[in-house]
PDB file of N, CA and C in Angstrom:
ATOM      1  N   UNK A   1     234.446 138.608  22.209  1.00  0.00           N
ATOM      2  CA  UNK A   1     235.029 137.236  22.577  1.00  0.00           C
ATOM      3  C   UNK A   1     234.809 136.565  21.851  1.00  0.00           C
ATOM      4  N   UNK A   2     235.445 135.979  20.840  1.00  0.00           N
ATOM      5  CA  UNK A   2     235.115 134.499  20.152  1.00  0.00           C
ATOM      6  C   UNK A   2     235.329 133.102  21.223  1.00  0.00           C
ATOM      7  N   UNK A   3     235.361 132.296  21.237  1.00  0.00           N
ATOM      8  CA  UNK A   3     235.727 130.754  21.682  1.00  0.00           C
ATOM      9  C   UNK A   3     235.854 129.614  21.211  1.00  0.00           C
ATOM     10  N   UNK A   4     236.855 129.204  20.104  1.00  0.00           N
ATOM     11  CA  UNK A   4     236.923 128.704  19.390  1.00  0.00           C
ATOM     12  C   UNK A   4     237.692 126.500  20.310  1.00  0.00           C
ATOM     13  N   UNK A   5     236.328 126.003  20.928  1.00  0.00           N
ATOM     14  CA  UNK A   5     237.014 124.593  20.889  1.00  0.00           C
ATOM     15  C   UNK A   5     236.965 123.930  20.167  1.00  0.00           C
ATOM     16  N   UNK A   6     237.826 122.627  20.479  1.00  0.00           N
ATOM     17  CA  UNK A   6     238.276 121.695  19.495  1.00  0.00           C
ATOM     18  C   UNK A   6     238.689 120.382  20.595  1.00  0.00           C
ATOM     19  N   UNK A   7     238.889 118.840  19.763  1.00  0.00           N
ATOM     20  CA  UNK A   7     239.264 118.109  20.876  1.00  0.00           C
ATOM     21  C   UNK A   7     238.334 116.558  21.144  1.00  0.00           C
ATOM     22  N   UNK A   8     237.180 116.980  21.101  1.00  0.00           N
ATOM     23  CA  UNK A   8     236.218 116.031  21.747  1.00  0.00           C
ATOM     24  C   UNK A   8     236.417 114.975  20.484  1.00  0.00           C
ATOM     25  N   UNK A   9     235.804 113.810  21.122  1.00  0.00           N
ATOM     26  CA  UNK A   9     235.393 112.172  20.051  1.00  0.00           C
ATOM     27  C   UNK A   9     234.880 111.563  20.765  1.00  0.00           C
ATOM     28  N   UNK A  10     235.168 110.238  20.327  1.00  0.00           N
ATOM     29  CA  UNK A  10     234.808 108.998  20.682  1.00  0.00           C
ATOM     30  C   UNK A  10     235.443 108.400  21.545  1.00  0.00           C
ATOM     31  N   UNK A  11     235.939 107.286  22.455  1.00  0.00           N
ATOM     32  CA  UNK A  11     236.934 107.104  23.282  1.00  0.00           C
ATOM     33  C   UNK A  11     236.551 106.541  24.421  1.00  0.00           C
ATOM     34  N   UNK A  12     237.136 104.828  24.803  1.00  0.00           N
ATOM     35  CA  UNK A  12     236.572 103.314  25.954  1.00  0.00           C
ATOM     36  C   UNK A  12     237.007 104.227  26.993  1.00  0.00           C
ATOM     37  N   UNK A  13     235.920 103.649  27.824  1.00  0.00           N
ATOM     38  CA  UNK A  13     236.219 103.979  29.057  1.00  0.00           C
ATOM     39  C   UNK A  13     237.080 103.539  29.931  1.00  0.00           C
ATOM     40  N   UNK A  14     238.224 104.805  30.533  1.00  0.00           N
ATOM     41  CA  UNK A  14     239.567 104.345  31.290  1.00  0.00           C
ATOM     42  C   UNK A  14     240.810 105.172  29.727  1.00  0.00           C
ATOM     43  N   UNK A  15     240.055 105.353  28.783  1.00  0.00           N
ATOM     44  CA  UNK A  15     240.943 106.688  28.077  1.00  0.00           C
ATOM     45  C   UNK A  15     241.029 108.064  27.933  1.00  0.00           C
ATOM     46  N   UNK A  16     241.669 108.262  27.560  1.00  0.00           N
ATOM     47  CA  UNK A  16     242.017 109.974  27.902  1.00  0.00           C
ATOM     48  C   UNK A  16     241.665 111.067  26.656  1.00  0.00           C
ATOM     49  N   UNK A  17     240.823 111.779  26.754  1.00  0.00           N
ATOM     50  CA  UNK A  17     240.703 112.966  25.480  1.00  0.00           C
ATOM     51  C   UNK A  17     241.815 114.090  26.020  1.00  0.00           C
ATOM     52  N   UNK A  18     241.811 115.124  25.082  1.00  0.00           N
ATOM     53  CA  UNK A  18     242.446 116.844  25.903  1.00  0.00           C
ATOM     54  C   UNK A  18     241.415 117.644  25.074  1.00  0.00           C
ATOM     55  N   UNK A  19     240.682 118.334  25.946  1.00  0.00           N
ATOM     56  CA  UNK A  19     240.028 119.806  25.284  1.00  0.00           C
ATOM     57  C   UNK A  19     240.942 120.761  25.015  1.00  0.00           C
ATOM     58  N   UNK A  20     240.621 121.698  23.991  1.00  0.00           N
ATOM     59  CA  UNK A  20     241.379 122.982  23.607  1.00  0.00           C
ATOM     60  C   UNK A  20     239.993 124.058  23.664  1.00  0.00           C
ATOM     61  N   UNK A  21     240.436 124.949  23.756  1.00  0.00           N
ATOM     62  CA  UNK A  21     239.906 126.720  23.432  1.00  0.00           C
ATOM     63  C   UNK A  21     240.293 127.713  23.298  1.00  0.00           C
ATOM     64  N   UNK A  22     240.682 128.192  22.181  1.00  0.00           N
ATOM     65  CA  UNK A  22     241.268 129.350  22.017  1.00  0.00           C
ATOM     66  C   UNK A  22     240.331 130.354  22.084  1.00  0.00           C
ATOM     67  N   UNK A  23     240.338 131.658  22.885  1.00  0.00           N
ATOM     68  CA  UNK A  23     240.324 132.676  22.809  1.00  0.00           C
ATOM     69  C   UNK A  23     240.799 134.288  22.050  1.00  0.00           C
ATOM     70  N   UNK A  24     239.656 134.995  21.324  1.00  0.00           N
ATOM     71  CA  UNK A  24     240.109 135.800  21.002  1.00  0.00           C
ATOM     72  C   UNK A  24     239.076 136.930  21.030  1.00  0.00           C
ATOM     73  N   UNK A  25     239.664 138.070  20.545  1.00  0.00           N
ATOM     74  CA  UNK A  25     238.864 139.409  20.357  1.00  0.00           C
ATOM     75  C   UNK A  25     239.425 139.849  21.876  1.00  0.00           C
ATOM     76  N   UNK A  26     237.912 140.749  22.211  1.00  0.00           N
ATOM     77  CA  UNK A  26     237.935 141.520  23.213  1.00  0.00           C
ATOM     78  C   UNK A  26     238.068 140.954  24.719  1.00  0.00           C
ATOM     79  N   UNK A  27     239.397 140.475  25.112  1.00  0.00           N
ATOM     80  CA  UNK A  27     239.081 139.240  26.117  1.00  0.00           C
ATOM     81  C   UNK A  27     239.537 140.015  27.722  1.00  0.00           C
ATOM     82  N   UNK A  28     239.653 141.158  27.464  1.00  0.00           N
ATOM     83  CA  UNK A  28     240.663 142.150  28.609  1.00  0.00           C
ATOM     84  C   UNK A  28     239.449 142.384  29.918  1.00  0.00           C
ATOM     85  N   UNK A  29     238.123 142.060  29.744  1.00  0.00           N
ATOM     86  CA  UNK A  29     237.233 141.703  30.693  1.00  0.00           C
ATOM     87  C   UNK A  29     236.690 140.823  31.327  1.00  0.00           C
ATOM     88  N   UNK A  30     237.289 139.802  30.633  1.00  0.00           N
ATOM     89  CA  UNK A  30     237.301 138.220  31.448  1.00  0.00           C
ATOM     90  C   UNK A  30     238.401 138.121  32.931  1.00  0.00           C
ATOM     91  N   UNK A  31     237.402 137.378  33.793  1.00  0.00           N
ATOM     92  CA  UNK A  31     238.379 136.894  34.869  1.00  0.00           C
ATOM     93  C   UNK A  31     238.881 135.389  35.263  1.00  0.00           C
ATOM     94  N   UNK A  32     238.074 134.993  34.127  1.00  0.00           N
ATOM     95  CA  UNK A  32     237.585 133.146  34.115  1.00  0.00           C
ATOM     96  C   UNK A  32     237.162 132.443  33.105  1.00  0.00           C
ATOM     97  N   UNK A  33     237.818 131.434  32.737  1.00  0.00           N
ATOM     98  CA  UNK A  33     237.438 130.331  32.090  1.00  0.00           C
ATOM     99  C   UNK A  33     237.240 128.778  32.410  1.00  0.00           C
ATOM    100  N   UNK A  34     236.142 128.565  31.617  1.00  0.00           N
ATOM    101  CA  UNK A  34     235.668 126.959  32.721  1.00  0.00           C
ATOM    102  C   UNK A  34     235.051 125.899  31.219  1.00  0.00           C
ATOM    103  N   UNK A  35     234.982 125.356  31.827  1.00  0.00           N
ATOM    104  CA  UNK A  35     234.670 124.622  30.132  1.00  0.00           C
ATOM    105  C   UNK A  35     233.372 123.688  31.579  1.00  0.00           C
ATOM    106  N   UNK A  36     232.000 123.733  30.507  1.00  0.00           N
ATOM    107  CA  UNK A  36     230.837 122.776  31.223  1.00  0.00           C
ATOM    108  C   UNK A  36     230.251 121.868  30.693  1.00  0.00           C
ATOM    109  N   UNK A  37     229.898 121.161  30.983  1.00  0.00           N
ATOM    110  CA  UNK A  37     229.108 119.984  29.886  1.00  0.00           C
ATOM    111  C   UNK A  37     227.477 119.574  30.269  1.00  0.00           C
ATOM    112  N   UNK A  38     227.038 119.234  29.017  1.00  0.00           N
ATOM    113  CA  UNK A  38     225.593 118.702  29.201  1.00  0.00           C
ATOM    114  C   UNK A  38     225.320 117.783  28.637  1.00  0.00           C
ATOM    115  N   UNK A  39     224.278 117.184  29.305  1.00  0.00           N
ATOM    116  CA  UNK A  39     224.024 115.542  28.942  1.00  0.00           C
ATOM    117  C   UNK A  39     222.759 115.481  28.425  1.00  0.00           C
ATOM    118  N   UNK A  40     222.000 114.730  27.536  1.00  0.00           N
ATOM    119  CA  UNK A  40     220.560 114.417  26.859  1.00  0.00           C
ATOM    120  C   UNK A  40     219.805 114.988  28.564  1.00  0.00           C
ATOM    121  N   UNK A  41     218.958 116.117  28.846  1.00  0.00           N
ATOM    122  CA  UNK A  41     217.864 115.541  29.941  1.00  0.00           C
ATOM    123  C   UNK A  41     218.623 116.540  31.010  1.00  0.00           C
ATOM    124  N   UNK A  42     219.936 116.746  31.119  1.00  0.00           N
ATOM    125  CA  UNK A  42     220.404 117.294  32.157  1.00  0.00           C
ATOM    126  C   UNK A  42     220.489 118.805  32.272  1.00  0.00           C
ATOM    127  N   UNK A  43     220.994 119.474  33.148  1.00  0.00           N
ATOM    128  CA  UNK A  43     221.296 121.087  32.818  1.00  0.00           C
ATOM    129  C   UNK A  43     223.091 121.066  32.710  1.00  0.00           C
ATOM    130  N   UNK A  44     222.997 121.860  32.052  1.00  0.00           N
ATOM    131  CA  UNK A  44     224.259 122.239  31.741  1.00  0.00           C
ATOM    132  C   UNK A  44     225.114 122.436  33.357  1.00  0.00           C
ATOM    133  N   UNK A  45     226.496 121.786  33.502  1.00  0.00           N
ATOM    134  CA  UNK A  45     226.866 122.069  34.775  1.00  0.00           C
ATOM    135  C   UNK A  45     228.476 122.516  34.783  1.00  0.00           C
ATOM    136  N   UNK A  46     228.956 122.376  35.556  1.00  0.00           N
ATOM    137  CA  UNK A  46     230.897 123.061  35.743  1.00  0.00           C
ATOM    138  C   UNK A  46     231.540 122.193  35.533  1.00  0.00           C
ATOM    139  N   UNK A  47     232.065 122.132  34.909  1.00  0.00           N
ATOM    140  CA  UNK A  47     233.077 120.945  35.094  1.00  0.00           C
ATOM    141  C   UNK A  47     234.245 121.031  36.131  1.00  0.00           C
ATOM    142  N   UNK A  48     235.233 122.221  35.322  1.00  0.00           N
ATOM    143  CA  UNK A  48     236.735 123.078  35.889  1.00  0.00           C
ATOM    144  C   UNK A  48     236.453 124.712  35.504  1.00  0.00           C
ATOM    145  N   UNK A  49     236.918 125.060  36.326  1.00  0.00           N
ATOM    146  CA  UNK A  49     237.363 126.608  35.956  1.00  0.00           C
ATOM    147  C   UNK A  49     238.490 127.059  36.535  1.00  0.00           C
ATOM    148  N   UNK A  50     239.266 128.229  35.712  1.00  0.00           N
ATOM    149  CA  UNK A  50     240.691 128.516  35.756  1.00  0.00           C
ATOM    150  C   UNK A  50     240.593 130.305  35.841  1.00  0.00           C
ATOM    151  N   UNK A  51     241.325 131.009  36.603  1.00  0.00           N
ATOM    152  CA  UNK A  51     241.171 131.879  36.655  1.00  0.00           C
ATOM    153  C   UNK A  51     242.044 132.791  35.250  1.00  0.00           C
ATOM    154  N   UNK A  52     241.594 133.671  35.066  1.00  0.00           N
ATOM    155  CA  UNK A  52     242.545 134.248  33.566  1.00  0.00           C
ATOM    156  C   UNK A  52     243.790 134.268  33.268  1.00  0.00           C
ATOM    157  N   UNK A  53     244.614 134.229  34.791  1.00  0.00           N
ATOM    158  CA  UNK A  53     246.004 133.968  34.571  1.00  0.00           C
ATOM    159  C   UNK A  53     246.532 132.981  35.542  1.00  0.00           C
ATOM    160  N   UNK A  54     245.209 132.174  35.539  1.00  0.00           N
ATOM    161  CA  UNK A  54     245.620 130.641  36.013  1.00  0.00           C
ATOM    162  C   UNK A  54     245.748 130.477  37.451  1.00  0.00           C
ATOM    163  N   UNK A  55     246.235 131.157  38.346  1.00  0.00           N
ATOM    164  CA  UNK A  55     246.040 131.052  39.918  1.00  0.00           C
ATOM    165  C   UNK A  55     245.149 130.886  40.852  1.00  0.00           C
ATOM    166  N   UNK A  56     244.122 130.333  40.230  1.00  0.00           N
ATOM    167  CA  UNK A  56     242.716 129.781  41.260  1.00  0.00           C
ATOM    168  C   UNK A  56     241.753 128.829  39.998  1.00  0.00           C
ATOM    169  N   UNK A  57     241.598 127.661  40.536  1.00  0.00           N
ATOM    170  CA  UNK A  57     241.310 126.525  40.072  1.00  0.00           C
ATOM    171  C   UNK A  57     240.381 126.000  40.944  1.00  0.00           C
ATOM    172  N   UNK A  58     238.806 125.575  39.811  1.00  0.00           N
ATOM    173  CA  UNK A  58     237.812 124.914  40.776  1.00  0.00           C
ATOM    174  C   UNK A  58     237.747 123.196  39.870  1.00  0.00           C
ATOM    175  N   UNK A  59     237.141 122.622  40.832  1.00  0.00           N
ATOM    176  CA  UNK A  59     236.580 121.326  39.875  1.00  0.00           C
ATOM    177  C   UNK A  59     235.271 120.904  40.263  1.00  0.00           C
ATOM    178  N   UNK A  60     234.525 120.293  39.494  1.00  0.00           N
ATOM    179  CA  UNK A  60     233.549 119.945  39.885  1.00  0.00           C
ATOM    180  C   UNK A  60     233.785 118.499  40.772  1.00  0.00           C
ATOM    181  N   UNK A  61     233.156 118.012  41.565  1.00  0.00           N
ATOM    182  CA  UNK A  61     233.235 117.123  43.048  1.00  0.00           C
ATOM    183  C   UNK A  61     233.728 115.493  41.935  1.00  0.00           C
ATOM    184  N   UNK A  62     233.026 115.516  40.999  1.00  0.00           N
ATOM    185  CA  UNK A  62     232.829 114.207  39.730  1.00  0.00           C
ATOM    186  C   UNK A  62     234.647 114.097  38.999  1.00  0.00           C
ATOM    187  N   UNK A  63     234.835 115.166  39.093  1.00  0.00           N
ATOM    188  CA  UNK A  63     236.143 114.951  37.871  1.00  0.00           C
ATOM    189  C   UNK A  63     237.296 114.982  38.939  1.00  0.00           C
ATOM    190  N   UNK A  64     237.362 115.519  40.316  1.00  0.00           N
ATOM    191  CA  UNK A  64     238.635 115.709  40.387  1.00  0.00           C
ATOM    192  C   UNK A  64     239.585 114.585  40.743  1.00  0.00           C
ATOM    193  N   UNK A  65     240.721 114.668  40.379  1.00  0.00           N
ATOM    194  CA  UNK A  65     241.632 113.444  40.750  1.00  0.00           C
ATOM    195  C   UNK A  65     241.734 112.784  39.408  1.00  0.00           C
ATOM    196  N   UNK A  66     240.911 113.189  38.054  1.00  0.00           N
ATOM    197  CA  UNK A  66     240.916 112.698  36.762  1.00  0.00           C
ATOM    198  C   UNK A  66     240.964 113.696  35.782  1.00  0.00           C
ATOM    199  N   UNK A  67     240.620 114.930  36.145  1.00  0.00           N
ATOM    200  CA  UNK A  67     240.389 115.775  34.798  1.00  0.00           C
ATOM    201  C   UNK A  67     241.264 116.890  35.460  1.00  0.00           C
ATOM    202  N   UNK A  68     242.353 117.615  34.618  1.00  0.00           N
ATOM    203  CA  UNK A  68     243.107 118.445  34.671  1.00  0.00           C
ATOM    204  C   UNK A  68     243.050 119.935  33.756  1.00  0.00           C
ATOM    205  N   UNK A  69     242.723 120.640  34.408  1.00  0.00           N
ATOM    206  CA  UNK A  69     242.646 122.248  33.663  1.00  0.00           C
ATOM    207  C   UNK A  69     243.350 123.115  33.674  1.00  0.00           C
ATOM    208  N   UNK A  70     243.885 123.619  32.345  1.00  0.00           N
ATOM    209  CA  UNK A  70     244.918 124.675  32.137  1.00  0.00           C
ATOM    210  C   UNK A  70     245.335 125.707  31.252  1.00  0.00           C
ATOM    211  N   UNK A  71     245.829 126.598  31.753  1.00  0.00           N
ATOM    212  CA  UNK A  71     246.024 127.610  30.509  1.00  0.00           C
ATOM    213  C   UNK A  71     247.383 128.358  30.463  1.00  0.00           C
ATOM    214  N   UNK A  72     247.073 128.623  28.622  1.00  0.00           N
ATOM    215  CA  UNK A  72     248.351 128.663  28.148  1.00  0.00           C
ATOM    216  C   UNK A  72     248.211 130.448  27.929  1.00  0.00           C
ATOM    217  N   UNK A  73     248.622 131.481  29.001  1.00  0.00           N
ATOM    218  CA  UNK A  73     248.380 132.969  28.940  1.00  0.00           C
ATOM    219  C   UNK A  73     249.100 133.461  27.369  1.00  0.00           C
ATOM    220  N   UNK A  74     249.816 133.235  26.985  1.00  0.00           N
ATOM    221  CA  UNK A  74     250.585 133.123  25.907  1.00  0.00           C
ATOM    222  C   UNK A  74     249.633 133.236  24.226  1.00  0.00           C
ATOM    223  N   UNK A  75     249.081 131.985  24.916  1.00  0.00           N
ATOM    224  CA  UNK A  75     247.777 131.862  23.356  1.00  0.00           C
ATOM    225  C   UNK A  75     246.241 132.130  23.863  1.00  0.00           C
ATOM    226  N   UNK A  76     246.234 132.278  24.947  1.00  0.00           N
ATOM    227  CA  UNK A  76     244.828 133.006  24.932  1.00  0.00           C
ATOM    228  C   UNK A  76     244.348 131.456  25.460  1.00  0.00           C
ATOM    229  N   UNK A  77     244.568 130.736  25.715  1.00  0.00           N
ATOM    230  CA  UNK A  77     244.136 128.450  25.244  1.00  0.00           C
ATOM    231  C   UNK A  77     244.065 127.921  26.529  1.00  0.00           C
ATOM    232  N   UNK A  78     242.505 127.222  26.944  1.00  0.00           N
ATOM    233  CA  UNK A  78     242.660 126.822  27.820  1.00  0.00           C
ATOM    234  C   UNK A  78     242.389 125.294  27.596  1.00  0.00           C
ATOM    235  N   UNK A  79     243.122 124.318  28.333  1.00  0.00           N
ATOM    236  CA  UNK A  79     242.665 123.409  28.138  1.00  0.00           C
ATOM    237  C   UNK A  79     241.993 122.418  29.249  1.00  0.00           C
ATOM    238  N   UNK A  80     241.265 121.077  29.012  1.00  0.00           N
ATOM    239  CA  UNK A  80     240.815 120.645  29.589  1.00  0.00           C
ATOM    240  C   UNK A  80     241.308 119.034  29.496  1.00  0.00           C
ATOM    241  N   UNK A  81     242.379 118.612  30.484  1.00  0.00           N
ATOM    242  CA  UNK A  81     242.767 117.066  30.051  1.00  0.00           C
ATOM    243  C   UNK A  81     241.786 116.100  30.948  1.00  0.00           C
ATOM    244  N   UNK A  82     241.525 115.362  30.259  1.00  0.00           N
ATOM    245  CA  UNK A  82     240.683 114.331  31.005  1.00  0.00           C
ATOM    246  C   UNK A  82     240.757 112.542  30.999  1.00  0.00           C
ATOM    247  N   UNK A  83     241.291 112.509  32.177  1.00  0.00           N
ATOM    248  CA  UNK A  83     242.174 110.898  32.239  1.00  0.00           C
ATOM    249  C   UNK A  83     240.691 109.787  32.829  1.00  0.00           C
ATOM    250  N   UNK A  84     240.976 109.041  32.610  1.00  0.00           N
ATOM    251  CA  UNK A  84     240.066 107.842  33.045  1.00  0.00           C
ATOM    252  C   UNK A  84     238.629 108.009  33.243  1.00  0.00           C
ATOM    253  N   UNK A  85     238.020 108.182  31.743  1.00  0.00           N
ATOM    254  CA  UNK A  85     237.162 109.084  31.850  1.00  0.00           C
ATOM    255  C   UNK A  85     236.367 107.470  31.394  1.00  0.00           C
ATOM    256  N   UNK A  86     234.750 108.193  31.937  1.00  0.00           N
ATOM    257  CA  UNK A  86     234.002 107.181  32.425  1.00  0.00           C
ATOM    258  C   UNK A  86     232.884 107.293  31.247  1.00  0.00           C
ATOM    259  N   UNK A  87     231.567 106.812  31.395  1.00  0.00           N
ATOM    260  CA  UNK A  87     230.541 106.627  30.867  1.00  0.00           C
ATOM    261  C   UNK A  87     230.275 107.554  30.562  1.00  0.00           C
ATOM    262  N   UNK A  88     229.975 107.449  32.002  1.00  0.00           N
ATOM    263  CA  UNK A  88     228.770 109.103  32.828  1.00  0.00           C
ATOM    264  C   UNK A  88     229.066 110.294  32.264  1.00  0.00           C
ATOM    265  N   UNK A  89     230.654 110.528  31.562  1.00  0.00           N
ATOM    266  CA  UNK A  89     231.385 111.736  31.212  1.00  0.00           C
ATOM    267  C   UNK A  89     230.744 111.974  29.946  1.00  0.00           C
ATOM    268  N   UNK A  90     230.320 111.103  28.768  1.00  0.00           N
ATOM    269  CA  UNK A  90     229.553 111.673  27.826  1.00  0.00           C
ATOM    270  C   UNK A  90     228.227 112.655  27.963  1.00  0.00           C
ATOM    271  N   UNK A  91     228.759 113.674  27.784  1.00  0.00           N
ATOM    272  CA  UNK A  91     228.232 114.865  27.210  1.00  0.00           C
ATOM    273  C   UNK A  91     228.841 115.872  26.129  1.00  0.00           C
ATOM    274  N   UNK A  92     227.929 116.991  25.857  1.00  0.00           N
ATOM    275  CA  UNK A  92     228.171 118.082  25.107  1.00  0.00           C
ATOM    276  C   UNK A  92     229.376 118.811  25.938  1.00  0.00           C
ATOM    277  N   UNK A  93     230.331 118.956  25.899  1.00  0.00           N
ATOM    278  CA  UNK A  93     231.154 120.128  26.941  1.00  0.00           C
ATOM    279  C   UNK A  93     231.509 121.578  25.888  1.00  0.00           C
ATOM    280  N   UNK A  94     231.315 122.064  26.870  1.00  0.00           N
ATOM    281  CA  UNK A  94     231.306 123.641  26.275  1.00  0.00           C
ATOM    282  C   UNK A  94     232.614 124.087  27.074  1.00  0.00           C
ATOM    283  N   UNK A  95     232.923 125.366  26.121  1.00  0.00           N
ATOM    284  CA  UNK A  95     234.012 126.198  27.381  1.00  0.00           C
ATOM    285  C   UNK A  95     233.005 127.434  27.518  1.00  0.00           C
ATOM    286  N   UNK A  96     233.488 128.115  28.134  1.00  0.00           N
ATOM    287  CA  UNK A  96     233.214 129.608  28.240  1.00  0.00           C
ATOM    288  C   UNK A  96     234.123 130.496  29.105  1.00  0.00           C
ATOM    289  N   UNK A  97     233.423 131.963  29.153  1.00  0.00           N
ATOM    290  CA  UNK A  97     233.841 132.674  29.667  1.00  0.00           C
ATOM    291  C   UNK A  97     233.400 133.812  30.470  1.00  0.00           C
ATOM    292  N   UNK A  98     233.803 134.687  31.369  1.00  0.00           N
ATOM    293  CA  UNK A  98     233.017 135.689  32.324  1.00  0.00           C
ATOM    294  C   UNK A  98     234.183 136.536  33.122  1.00  0.00           C
ATOM    295  N   UNK A  99     233.192 136.968  33.590  1.00  0.00           N
ATOM    296  CA  UNK A  99     233.745 138.396  34.321  1.00  0.00           C
ATOM    297  C   UNK A  99     233.587 138.409  35.803  1.00  0.00           C
ATOM    298  N   UNK A 100     233.817 137.257  36.250  1.00  0.00           N
ATOM    299  CA  UNK A 100     233.212 136.669  37.205  1.00  0.00           C
ATOM    300  C   UNK A 100     234.489 136.235  38.087  1.00  0.00           C
ATOM    301  N   UNK A 101     234.756 136.030  38.767  1.00  0.00           N
ATOM    302  CA  UNK A 101     235.948 134.850  39.930  1.00  0.00           C
ATOM    303  C   UNK A 101     235.437 133.966  39.737  1.00  0.00           C
ATOM    304  N   UNK A 102     236.038 132.815  39.650  1.00  0.00           N
ATOM    305  CA  UNK A 102     236.373 131.426  39.610  1.00  0.00           C
ATOM    306  C   UNK A 102     234.655 130.805  40.606  1.00  0.00           C
ATOM    307  N   UNK A 103     235.105 131.031  41.556  1.00  0.00           N
ATOM    308  CA  UNK A 103     233.965 130.203  42.466  1.00  0.00           C
ATOM    309  C   UNK A 103     232.990 130.925  42.460  1.00  0.00           C
ATOM    310  N   UNK A 104     232.489 131.888  41.865  1.00  0.00           N
ATOM    311  CA  UNK A 104     230.560 132.626  40.869  1.00  0.00           C
ATOM    312  C   UNK A 104     230.902 131.767  39.690  1.00  0.00           C
ATOM    313  N   UNK A 105     231.836 131.160  39.019  1.00  0.00           N
ATOM    314  CA  UNK A 105     231.108 130.870  37.813  1.00  0.00           C
ATOM    315  C   UNK A 105     230.536 129.918  37.602  1.00  0.00           C
ATOM    316  N   UNK A 106     229.159 130.641  37.139  1.00  0.00           N
ATOM    317  CA  UNK A 106     227.785 129.777  36.841  1.00  0.00           C
ATOM    318  C   UNK A 106     227.292 129.612  35.456  1.00  0.00           C
ATOM    319  N   UNK A 107     226.689 129.010  35.221  1.00  0.00           N
ATOM    320  CA  UNK A 107     226.116 128.488  33.642  1.00  0.00           C
ATOM    321  C   UNK A 107     225.351 130.338  33.411  1.00  0.00           C
ATOM    322  N   UNK A 108     224.979 131.215  34.216  1.00  0.00           N
ATOM    323  CA  UNK A 108     224.211 132.408  34.474  1.00  0.00           C
ATOM    324  C   UNK A 108     224.967 133.554  34.474  1.00  0.00           C
ATOM    325  N   UNK A 109     226.486 133.146  34.874  1.00  0.00           N
ATOM    326  CA  UNK A 109     227.041 134.342  35.000  1.00  0.00           C
ATOM    327  C   UNK A 109     227.924 134.005  33.941  1.00  0.00           C
ATOM    328  N   UNK A 110     227.922 133.106  32.462  1.00  0.00           N
ATOM    329  CA  UNK A 110     228.881 133.435  31.516  1.00  0.00           C
ATOM    330  C   UNK A 110     228.485 134.345  30.602  1.00  0.00           C
ATOM    331  N   UNK A 111     229.569 135.005  30.355  1.00  0.00           N
ATOM    332  CA  UNK A 111     229.407 136.244  29.111  1.00  0.00           C
ATOM    333  C   UNK A 111     229.720 135.472  27.829  1.00  0.00           C
ATOM    334  N   UNK A 112     230.208 134.319  27.461  1.00  0.00           N
ATOM    335  CA  UNK A 112     230.516 134.016  25.846  1.00  0.00           C
ATOM    336  C   UNK A 112     230.837 132.513  26.579  1.00  0.00           C
ATOM    337  N   UNK A 113     230.533 131.977  25.077  1.00  0.00           N
ATOM    338  CA  UNK A 113     229.879 130.211  25.182  1.00  0.00           C
ATOM    339  C   UNK A 113     231.039 129.672  23.527  1.00  0.00           C
ATOM    340  N   UNK A 114     231.436 128.944  24.087  1.00  0.00           N
ATOM    341  CA  UNK A 114     232.036 128.251  22.737  1.00  0.00           C
ATOM    342  C   UNK A 114     230.812 127.492  22.293  1.00  0.00           C
ATOM    343  N   UNK A 115     231.559 126.842  20.900  1.00  0.00           N
ATOM    344  CA  UNK A 115     230.389 126.220  20.438  1.00  0.00           C
ATOM    345  C   UNK A 115     231.023 124.502  21.055  1.00  0.00           C
ATOM    346  N   UNK A 116     229.816 123.898  21.307  1.00  0.00           N
ATOM    347  CA  UNK A 116     230.096 122.458  21.834  1.00  0.00           C
ATOM    348  C   UNK A 116     230.830 121.571  21.267  1.00  0.00           C
ATOM    349  N   UNK A 117     231.824 120.419  22.001  1.00  0.00           N
ATOM    350  CA  UNK A 117     231.944 119.324  21.610  1.00  0.00           C
ATOM    351  C   UNK A 117     231.319 118.283  21.912  1.00  0.00           C
ATOM    352  N   UNK A 118     231.604 117.477  21.651  1.00  0.00           N
ATOM    353  CA  UNK A 118     231.168 116.036  21.899  1.00  0.00           C
ATOM    354  C   UNK A 118     231.905 115.480  22.373  1.00  0.00           C
ATOM    355  N   UNK A 119     231.752 114.902  23.610  1.00  0.00           N
ATOM    356  CA  UNK A 119     232.759 113.367  23.724  1.00  0.00           C
ATOM    357  C   UNK A 119     231.886 112.644  24.484  1.00  0.00           C
ATOM    358  N   UNK A 120     232.051 111.566  23.679  1.00  0.00           N
ATOM    359  CA  UNK A 120     231.359 110.078  23.842  1.00  0.00           C
ATOM    360  C   UNK A 120     231.982 109.291  24.668  1.00  0.00           C
ATOM    361  N   UNK A 121     232.121 108.717  25.846  1.00  0.00           N
ATOM    362  CA  UNK A 121     232.989 107.609  26.462  1.00  0.00           C
ATOM    363  C   UNK A 121     231.833 106.184  26.361  1.00  0.00           C
ATOM    364  N   UNK A 122     232.640 104.688  25.650  1.00  0.00           N
ATOM    365  CA  UNK A 122     231.824 103.812  25.311  1.00  0.00           C
ATOM    366  C   UNK A 122     232.681 102.996  26.743  1.00  0.00           C
ATOM    367  N   UNK A 123     231.234 102.044  27.192  1.00  0.00           N
ATOM    368  CA  UNK A 123     231.846 101.100  28.389  1.00  0.00           C
ATOM    369  C   UNK A 123     232.452  99.673  27.681  1.00  0.00           C
TER     370      UNK A 123
END
C-alpha cells in the first residue's frame, strides 16, 4: 500500500487547510485510515480516523468541532478539513492505514504510513 499525502502549508490562526491522502496498491486488507500528527518533542498522536467505507469516525478531543475527516471511496482518498486552526495544531501530519478497527487505530497498529506534510499555524 502506498499513501500519498498533500495539502500542508502555512496559515494564520483561525484559518483553514485541507489535507488529502490517496491510497493505492493492495488496499483490500485495510480497515481504517487516519491522520496522525507529531510536533517536535511530542509523541505521534491520532487526530482523526475513519473506517474504510466511512461509517465509523473518531476524533481526538483537541480537534472535535474544528476538523472533519472524510473519504472518497471511488478515489481511495481520505481528506482532513481543518478549520479554526490554532498554533498548537502546528505539527507534521501523517496519513496512515491499518488492518484494525477505527477505535483501535494507534501508531503501533498502523501498517502503512504516508510521508508527512508540515502544517504550521502562526499566531
